[in-house]
Amino acid sequence: MQPDYTGIITVEPGKRGGKPCIRGLRITVYDILEYLASGMTEPEILADFSDLTREDIRACLAFPAG
């Protein structure tokens, strides 16, 4: 079963060019995916971005599949 990212992934036309963001923050889904692809671990991302949660990262991973 896919995680439900409704409410976690938001799209606002005036924010970050309308790219999908996390909970209205200026951190995009693509930012998180790029960090993971570059080799950052989930704990490293969470340490660098204190506003993020594990559920946020999981929603970013599920978003492209949805």
C-alpha atoms as a PDB file:
ATOM      1  CA  MET A   1       0.000   0.000   0.000  1.00  0.00           C
ATOM      2  CA  GLN A   2       1.345   3.414  -1.007  1.00  0.00           C
ATOM      3  CA  PRO A   3       1.741   6.025   1.737  1.00  0.00           C
ATOM      4  CA  ASP A   4      -0.784   8.862   1.545  1.00  0.00           C
ATOM      5  CA  TYR A   5       1.042  12.078   0.752  1.00  0.00           C
ATOM      6  CA  THR A   6      -2.093  14.222   0.567  1.00  0.00           C
ATOM      7  CA  GLY A   7      -1.477  17.205   2.809  1.00  0.00           C
ATOM      8  CA  ILE A   8       2.281  16.629   2.845  1.00  0.00           C
ATOM      9  CA  ILE A   9       3.014  17.445  -0.784  1.00  0.00           C
ATOM     10  CA  THR A  10       1.587  20.846  -1.728  1.00  0.00           C
ATOM     11  CA  VAL A  11       1.618  22.826  -4.951  1.00  0.00           C
ATOM     12  CA  GLU A  12       1.326  26.606  -4.846  1.00  0.00           C
ATOM     13  CA  PRO A  13       1.649  28.469  -8.161  1.00  0.00           C
ATOM     14  CA  GLY A  14       3.692  31.338  -6.637  1.00  0.00           C
ATOM     15  CA  LYS A  15       6.093  29.185  -4.645  1.00  0.00           C
ATOM     16  CA  ARG A  16       9.194  27.619  -6.224  1.00  0.00           C
ATOM     17  CA  GLY A  17       7.673  27.996  -9.675  1.00  0.00           C
ATOM     18  CA  GLY A  18       4.711  25.786  -8.829  1.00  0.00           C
ATOM     19  CA  LYS A  19       6.879  22.744  -8.105  1.00  0.00           C
ATOM     20  CA  PRO A  20       5.562  20.242  -5.540  1.00  0.00           C
ATOM     21  CA  CYS A  21       6.807  21.264  -2.081  1.00  0.00           C
ATOM     22  CA  ILE A  22       6.706  19.717   1.353  1.00  0.00           C
ATOM     23  CA  ARG A  23       3.939  21.070   3.613  1.00  0.00           C
ATOM     24  CA  GLY A  24       4.087  24.537   2.061  1.00  0.00           C
ATOM     25  CA  LEU A  25       7.787  24.893   2.852  1.00  0.00           C
ATOM     26  CA  ARG A  26      10.200  26.047   0.161  1.00  0.00           C
ATOM     27  CA  ILE A  27      11.758  22.566   0.018  1.00  0.00           C
ATOM     28  CA  THR A  28      10.662  20.730  -3.119  1.00  0.00           C
ATOM     29  CA  VAL A  29      10.100  17.042  -3.656  1.00  0.00           C
ATOM     30  CA  TYR A  30      12.843  17.214  -6.282  1.00  0.00           C
ATOM     31  CA  ASP A  31      15.301  18.754  -3.779  1.00  0.00           C
ATOM     32  CA  ILE A  32      14.848  15.775  -1.466  1.00  0.00           C
ATOM     33  CA  LEU A  33      15.085  13.265  -4.306  1.00  0.00           C
ATOM     34  CA  GLU A  34      18.312  14.919  -5.500  1.00  0.00           C
ATOM     35  CA  TYR A  35      19.800  14.782  -1.984  1.00  0.00           C
ATOM     36  CA  LEU A  36      18.983  11.085  -1.735  1.00  0.00           C
ATOM     37  CA  ALA A  37      20.322  10.395  -5.237  1.00  0.00           C
ATOM     38  CA  SER A  38      23.578  12.173  -4.382  1.00  0.00           C
ATOM     39  CA  GLY A  39      24.120   9.804  -1.462  1.00  0.00           C
ATOM     40  CA  MET A  40      22.747  11.740   1.508  1.00  0.00           C
ATOM     41  CA  THR A  41      21.076   9.518   4.052  1.00  0.00           C
ATOM     42  CA  GLU A  42      17.684  10.156   5.581  1.00  0.00           C
ATOM     43  CA  PRO A  43      19.272  11.055   8.964  1.00  0.00           C
ATOM     44  CA  GLU A  44      21.619  13.538   7.234  1.00  0.00           C
ATOM     45  CA  ILE A  45      18.720  15.234   5.467  1.00  0.00           C
ATOM     46  CA  LEU A  46      16.719  15.408   8.686  1.00  0.00           C
ATOM     47  CA  ALA A  47      19.715  16.899  10.495  1.00  0.00           C
ATOM     48  CA  ASP A  48      20.177  19.553   7.783  1.00  0.00           C
ATOM     49  CA  PHE A  49      16.475  20.449   7.570  1.00  0.00           C
ATOM     50  CA  SER A  50      14.950  20.515  11.041  1.00  0.00           C
ATOM     51  CA  ASP A  51      11.454  21.234   9.656  1.00  0.00           C
ATOM     52  CA  LEU A  52      11.349  17.882   7.847  1.00  0.00           C
ATOM     53  CA  THR A  53      10.120  14.542   9.166  1.00  0.00           C
ATOM     54  CA  ARG A  54      10.626  10.960   8.050  1.00  0.00           C
ATOM     55  CA  GLU A  55       7.064  10.984   6.752  1.00  0.00           C
ATOM     56  CA  ASP A  56       7.955  13.983   4.551  1.00  0.00           C
ATOM     57  CA  ILE A  57      10.831  12.061   2.972  1.00  0.00           C
ATOM     58  CA  ARG A  58       8.673   8.985   2.462  1.00  0.00           C
ATOM     59  CA  ALA A  59       6.006  11.148   0.810  1.00  0.00           C
ATOM     60  CA  CYS A  60       8.681  12.498  -1.575  1.00  0.00           C
ATOM     61  CA  LEU A  61       9.632   8.952  -2.514  1.00  0.00           C
ATOM     62  CA  ALA A  62       6.008   7.961  -3.067  1.00  0.00           C
ATOM     63  CA  PHE A  63       5.018  11.104  -4.974  1.00  0.00           C
ATOM     64  CA  PRO A  64       6.533  10.231  -8.374  1.00  0.00           C
ATOM     65  CA  ALA A  65       4.860   6.814  -8.265  1.00  0.00           C
ATOM     66  CA  GLY A  66       1.452   8.310  -7.495  1.00  0.00           C
END
